Protein backbone atom coordinates (compact mmCIF):
# COMPACT_ATOMS: atom_id res chain seq x y z
CA MET A 1 0.13 -0.07 -0.14
CA SER A 2 1.54 3.53 -0.87
CA ASN A 3 1.50 6.07 1.79
CA GLU A 4 0.12 8.54 -0.55
CA VAL A 5 -3.50 9.04 -1.06
CA ILE A 6 -4.94 10.72 -4.55
CA LEU A 7 -7.30 13.08 -2.89
CA THR A 8 -9.84 14.44 -5.64
CA CYS A 9 -12.13 17.85 -5.69
CA ALA A 10 -15.10 17.43 -7.52
CA VAL A 11 -15.67 21.19 -7.32
CA CYS A 12 -19.64 21.39 -8.30
CA GLY A 13 -21.66 18.52 -9.75
CA GLY A 14 -24.43 17.89 -12.27
CA HIS A 15 -27.19 18.06 -10.37
CA ASN A 16 -28.98 20.90 -10.04
CA ASN A 17 -28.56 22.12 -6.52
CA GLN A 18 -27.00 25.43 -6.90
CA GLY A 19 -30.01 27.20 -5.16
CA LYS A 20 -29.34 25.24 -1.95
CA HIS A 21 -25.95 27.08 -1.32
CA PRO A 22 -25.46 30.60 -1.54
CA ASN A 23 -21.58 30.73 -2.87
CA TYR A 24 -21.85 27.89 -5.35
CA PRO A 25 -19.22 27.44 -8.23
CA ILE A 26 -21.20 28.37 -11.80
CA THR A 27 -19.10 30.74 -13.69
CA PRO A 28 -16.32 29.14 -15.53
CA GLU A 29 -13.86 31.58 -13.45
CA HIS A 30 -15.31 30.57 -10.28
CA ILE A 31 -15.22 26.67 -10.85
CA ALA A 32 -11.38 27.16 -12.47
CA ASN A 33 -10.39 29.64 -9.17
CA ASP A 34 -11.52 27.12 -6.80
CA CYS A 35 -9.99 24.20 -8.90
CA ILE A 36 -6.52 25.94 -8.42
CA GLU A 37 -7.01 27.00 -4.89
CA VAL A 38 -7.76 23.26 -3.78
CA ALA A 39 -5.00 21.69 -5.63
CA LYS A 40 -2.69 24.15 -3.03
CA ALA A 41 -4.41 22.28 -0.05
CA GLY A 42 -3.59 19.31 -1.40
CA ALA A 43 -6.08 17.73 -4.36
CA ALA A 44 -4.15 16.11 -7.08
CA ILE A 45 -6.86 15.59 -8.93
CA VAL A 46 -9.84 18.09 -9.88
CA HIS A 47 -13.37 16.71 -10.93
CA ILE A 48 -15.37 19.43 -12.97
CA HIS A 49 -18.66 19.65 -14.59
CA VAL A 50 -19.87 23.45 -16.00
CA ARG A 51 -22.41 24.86 -15.26
CA ASP A 52 -24.64 27.91 -17.75
CA PRO A 53 -23.18 30.88 -16.20
CA VAL A 54 -26.80 32.89 -16.62
CA THR A 55 -29.15 30.17 -15.21
CA GLY A 56 -27.02 28.30 -13.20
CA MET A 57 -28.25 24.64 -14.89
CA ARG A 58 -25.87 21.82 -15.80
CA SER A 59 -24.50 22.36 -18.99
CA GLY A 60 -22.32 19.86 -21.13
CA ASP A 61 -21.15 22.74 -23.58
CA PRO A 62 -17.70 22.61 -24.75
CA VAL A 63 -17.03 26.16 -24.67
CA LEU A 64 -17.62 26.28 -21.28
CA PHE A 65 -15.42 23.50 -20.43
CA ARG A 66 -12.80 25.27 -22.77
CA GLU A 67 -12.72 27.91 -20.70
CA VAL A 68 -12.54 26.19 -17.45
CA VAL A 69 -9.75 23.93 -18.48
CA GLU A 70 -7.56 26.66 -20.13
CA ARG A 71 -7.74 29.07 -16.99
CA ILE A 72 -6.41 26.06 -14.56
CA ARG A 73 -3.56 25.16 -17.31
CA ASP A 74 -3.01 29.26 -17.82
CA SER A 75 -2.06 29.66 -14.17
CA GLY A 76 0.74 27.27 -14.09
CA SER A 77 -1.02 24.38 -12.02
CA ASP A 78 -0.32 21.13 -12.47
CA VAL A 79 -3.49 19.23 -11.08
CA LEU A 80 -4.60 16.49 -12.93
CA VAL A 81 -7.93 17.27 -14.60
CA ASN A 82 -10.58 14.96 -14.48
CA LEU A 83 -13.68 15.95 -16.96
CA THR A 84 -17.06 14.57 -16.71
CA THR A 85 -18.73 12.48 -19.52
CA SER A 86 -22.44 12.33 -17.64
CA GLU A 87 -24.28 14.98 -19.33
CA GLY A 88 -25.99 13.44 -21.85
CA ALA A 89 -27.07 9.97 -20.47
CA ARG A 90 -30.45 10.99 -17.83
CA PHE A 91 -34.04 9.58 -19.16
CA ALA A 92 -37.61 10.54 -17.63
CA PRO A 93 -40.28 8.31 -19.38
CA GLY A 94 -42.65 10.67 -20.96
CA GLU A 95 -46.18 10.31 -19.11
CA ASP A 96 -48.29 9.70 -22.55
CA ASP A 97 -45.77 7.39 -24.08
CA ALA A 98 -43.06 6.01 -21.73
CA ALA A 99 -40.84 5.17 -24.98
CA VAL A 100 -40.29 9.29 -25.44
CA GLY A 101 -37.98 11.06 -23.26
CA GLY A 102 -40.60 13.80 -20.50
CA PRO A 103 -39.11 16.43 -18.96
CA GLY A 104 -35.88 16.05 -17.47
CA THR A 105 -34.40 13.46 -20.37
CA THR A 106 -31.11 14.73 -22.07
CA LEU A 107 -30.02 11.42 -23.65
CA VAL A 108 -27.35 12.10 -26.68
CA GLN A 109 -25.44 9.52 -28.66
CA PRO A 110 -22.50 8.05 -26.91
CA LEU A 111 -19.72 10.18 -28.82
CA GLU A 112 -21.35 13.42 -28.09
CA ARG A 113 -20.79 12.76 -24.68
CA LEU A 114 -16.92 13.30 -25.48
CA HIS A 115 -16.58 16.49 -28.02
CA HIS A 116 -14.73 17.64 -24.76
CA VAL A 117 -13.01 15.36 -24.09
CA ALA A 118 -11.61 15.35 -27.83
CA GLU A 119 -10.99 18.67 -28.26
CA LEU A 120 -9.55 19.27 -24.58
CA ARG A 121 -7.31 15.84 -23.99
CA PRO A 122 -7.96 16.05 -20.29
CA ASP A 123 -5.63 13.70 -18.33
CA ILE A 124 -8.53 12.02 -16.73
CA CYS A 125 -12.31 11.65 -18.30
CA THR A 126 -15.14 9.56 -16.15
CA LEU A 127 -16.90 6.61 -17.53
CA ASP A 128 -20.13 6.01 -15.78
CA VAL A 129 -20.03 1.99 -16.04
CA GLY A 130 -24.04 1.44 -15.64
CA THR A 131 -27.44 2.16 -15.41
CA PHE A 132 -29.57 2.99 -12.11
CA ASN A 133 -32.08 5.10 -11.13
CA PHE A 134 -30.64 8.30 -10.26
CA GLY A 135 -33.15 10.44 -7.96
CA GLU A 136 -36.38 10.54 -10.38
CA THR A 137 -34.50 9.79 -13.71
CA ILE A 138 -32.93 7.46 -14.68
CA PHE A 139 -29.14 7.33 -15.41
CA VAL A 140 -28.44 5.49 -18.95
CA ASN A 141 -25.35 3.72 -19.68
CA THR A 142 -26.01 1.11 -21.86
CA PRO A 143 -23.42 -1.91 -22.76
CA ALA A 144 -23.31 -0.97 -25.99
CA HIS A 145 -23.00 3.01 -25.30
CA LEU A 146 -20.19 2.14 -22.74
CA ARG A 147 -18.02 0.00 -25.12
CA ILE A 148 -17.87 3.00 -27.90
CA MET A 149 -17.49 5.51 -25.26
CA ALA A 150 -14.75 3.22 -23.70
CA GLN A 151 -12.97 2.65 -27.42
CA ARG A 152 -12.75 6.21 -27.99
CA ILE A 153 -11.46 7.07 -24.56
CA ARG A 154 -8.36 4.50 -25.71
CA GLU A 155 -7.81 6.56 -28.92
CA LEU A 156 -7.81 9.60 -27.05
CA GLY A 157 -5.01 8.71 -24.79
CA VAL A 158 -7.07 9.40 -21.87
CA LYS A 159 -7.57 7.45 -18.50
CA PRO A 160 -11.01 6.76 -18.02
CA GLU A 161 -12.12 6.90 -14.16
CA LEU A 162 -14.57 3.96 -13.95
CA GLU A 163 -17.58 5.48 -11.95
CA VAL A 164 -19.31 2.87 -10.37
CA PHE A 165 -22.45 3.08 -8.37
CA GLU A 166 -23.36 -0.41 -7.19
CA PRO A 167 -21.56 -3.73 -7.68
CA GLY A 168 -22.97 -5.02 -11.01
CA HIS A 169 -21.32 -2.15 -12.20
CA ILE A 170 -17.91 -3.28 -11.15
CA MET A 171 -18.42 -6.94 -12.86
CA PHE A 172 -19.24 -5.01 -16.22
CA ALA A 173 -16.23 -2.73 -15.85
CA ARG A 174 -14.57 -6.46 -15.56
CA ARG A 175 -15.59 -7.17 -19.00
CA LEU A 176 -14.48 -3.72 -20.49
CA ILE A 177 -11.04 -4.59 -18.99
CA GLU A 178 -11.09 -8.20 -20.32
CA GLU A 179 -11.90 -6.80 -23.94
CA GLY A 180 -9.31 -4.82 -23.41
CA LEU A 181 -10.96 -1.45 -23.96
CA ILE A 182 -9.33 -0.04 -20.89
CA ASP A 183 -5.38 -0.14 -20.86
CA GLY A 184 -3.04 -0.15 -17.90
CA GLU A 185 -3.89 -0.18 -14.01
CA PRO A 186 -7.66 0.35 -14.03
CA MET A 187 -8.86 3.28 -12.07
CA PHE A 188 -12.17 3.29 -10.22
CA GLN A 189 -14.33 5.58 -8.01
CA LEU A 190 -17.01 3.98 -5.92
CA CYS A 191 -19.65 6.31 -5.61
CA LEU A 192 -21.81 5.71 -2.23
CA GLY A 193 -24.68 7.30 -0.91
CA ILE A 194 -26.65 8.39 -4.30
CA PRO A 195 -30.42 8.15 -3.88
CA HIS A 196 -31.42 4.87 -4.86
CA ALA A 197 -27.86 3.08 -5.39
CA SER A 198 -25.90 1.54 -3.16
CA PRO A 199 -25.41 3.40 0.38
CA ALA A 200 -22.49 5.13 1.89
CA THR A 201 -22.02 2.10 4.72
CA PRO A 202 -18.86 0.16 5.88
CA GLU A 203 -20.66 -2.93 4.16
CA ILE A 204 -20.95 -1.58 0.99
CA LEU A 205 -17.78 -0.31 0.62
CA SER A 206 -15.88 -3.50 1.70
CA VAL A 207 -17.84 -5.57 -0.95
CA MET A 208 -17.60 -3.39 -3.47
CA LYS A 209 -13.87 -2.91 -2.64
CA GLY A 210 -13.24 -6.89 -2.99
CA LEU A 211 -14.90 -7.08 -6.12
CA LEU A 212 -12.38 -4.69 -7.36
CA PRO A 213 -9.17 -6.20 -10.02
CA ASP A 214 -6.34 -6.91 -7.91
CA ASN A 215 -4.80 -4.46 -9.78
CA ALA A 216 -6.97 -1.66 -9.37
CA ASN A 217 -6.28 1.77 -8.17
CA TRP A 218 -9.74 2.64 -5.83
CA SER A 219 -11.32 5.85 -4.48
CA ALA A 220 -14.63 6.34 -2.72
CA PHE A 221 -16.82 8.90 -1.85
CA GLY A 222 -19.52 9.17 0.38
CA ILE A 223 -22.62 12.19 -0.06
CA SER A 224 -23.66 14.61 2.21
CA ARG A 225 -23.32 13.60 5.78
CA MET A 226 -21.02 10.55 4.84
CA GLU A 227 -18.19 12.59 3.14
CA PHE A 228 -16.00 12.17 5.62
CA SER A 229 -16.86 8.81 6.95
CA ILE A 230 -15.80 7.69 3.88
CA VAL A 231 -13.17 9.53 3.50
CA ALA A 232 -11.57 7.91 6.97
CA GLN A 233 -12.69 4.56 5.94
CA ALA A 234 -11.30 4.76 2.00
CA ALA A 235 -7.85 6.21 3.17
CA SER A 236 -7.78 3.42 5.99
CA GLN A 237 -7.92 0.42 4.00
CA GLY A 238 -5.25 1.38 1.43
CA GLY A 239 -8.05 3.49 -1.01
CA ASN A 240 -8.06 7.06 -2.34
CA CYS A 241 -10.55 9.54 -1.70
CA ARG A 242 -13.03 12.01 -2.81
CA VAL A 243 -14.65 15.43 -1.41
CA GLY A 244 -16.31 18.82 -2.85
CA LEU A 245 -19.27 20.58 -3.15
CA GLU A 246 -20.55 18.20 -5.70
CA ASP A 247 -20.92 15.58 -3.45
CA ASN A 248 -21.62 17.73 0.14
CA LEU A 249 -22.73 21.26 0.71
CA TYR A 250 -22.03 21.52 4.34
CA ILE A 251 -18.65 21.83 6.53
CA GLU A 252 -20.39 21.58 9.61
CA GLN A 253 -24.44 20.83 10.31
CA GLY A 254 -26.38 23.94 9.11
CA GLU A 255 -22.72 26.01 8.06
CA TYR A 256 -22.13 25.87 3.96
CA ALA A 257 -18.84 24.88 3.01
CA SER A 258 -16.59 25.97 0.60
CA ASN A 259 -14.51 23.55 -1.62
CA LEU A 260 -11.36 24.52 0.06
CA GLN A 261 -12.53 24.04 3.71
CA LEU A 262 -13.66 20.28 2.52
CA VAL A 263 -10.40 19.33 0.75
CA GLU A 264 -8.51 20.90 4.12
CA ARG A 265 -10.40 18.88 6.07
CA ALA A 266 -10.08 15.74 4.32
CA VAL A 267 -6.33 16.54 4.30
CA ARG A 268 -6.18 16.51 8.13
CA ILE A 269 -8.19 13.05 8.70
CA ILE A 270 -5.94 11.38 5.92
CA ARG A 271 -2.98 12.68 8.06
CA GLU A 272 -4.54 11.91 11.33
CA ILE A 273 -4.19 8.15 10.07
CA GLY A 274 -0.92 8.30 9.29
CA ARG A 275 -0.98 8.82 5.34
CA GLU A 276 -0.10 11.81 3.36
CA PRO A 277 -1.92 13.34 0.17
CA ALA A 278 -0.15 12.65 -2.64
CA THR A 279 0.87 15.36 -5.41
CA SER A 280 -0.54 15.86 -8.48
CA ARG A 281 3.02 14.27 -9.60
CA GLN A 282 3.16 11.14 -7.82
CA ALA A 283 -0.71 10.73 -8.56
CA ALA A 284 0.17 10.80 -11.84
CA GLU A 285 2.76 8.00 -11.89
CA ARG A 286 0.93 6.09 -9.97
CA LEU A 287 -2.29 6.12 -12.39
CA GLY A 288 -0.14 5.93 -15.48
CA ILE A 289 -0.80 9.24 -16.85
CA GLU A 290 1.99 10.68 -19.03
CA ARG A 291 2.12 14.45 -19.03
């Protein structure tokens, strides 16, 4: 087990909860500035969604991704950039015709979800390995679409972060690995506490960890009040960790957090159990990312 913990900060998410926080990162400038700030505090990776600067709603606009990434790179920060590919995967059956998407549906073809990845060539991008009930919509990632996306990500030379929300997702991710669609040592993110998916409990963390390939680099996060509990559990079991406003809006009950505060607390927890946050260079080396 390496002594260094790769800490990711998910600075803003793909769910429209911006109205629940008074200073939620929405503009490309705000998102990029948070990324730069948390990197200085110990985050080796920043996980990035973008928002419509006017409405605050989630967006898949490549122009917004470009501005965020260019601001980070122009700052001189060497933080590893991880771009989401989740936009375009939601389906809500229509009330009159269940085969036709109703309000909340964003489904697009799989390669459309990778336009910004192809243009910007980040260090990492997500690959959400599986379909499940995500709140009141269905998060749709079919085997055929996942194979198309995995192949394209491989061609682009970008490291895929295999986001898994249920034990069965790990089993399909292993199939992708067996089929040669994932290069090198795989990178897994165990996503816990999402409504209607796996809960953020020690038992589930242990089960999902036990299903991973022996050579996997893995990380875990828990949402809301379970965020720091999962940081401690993952770090103490040899894993890596994720925090950020995508997953949790509070630093204490009733007290809104900043991304910086969440990262600083995670760093303290990591050090309290005798490990150290990895630098971005250490993280890149362990994950097999050439820069």
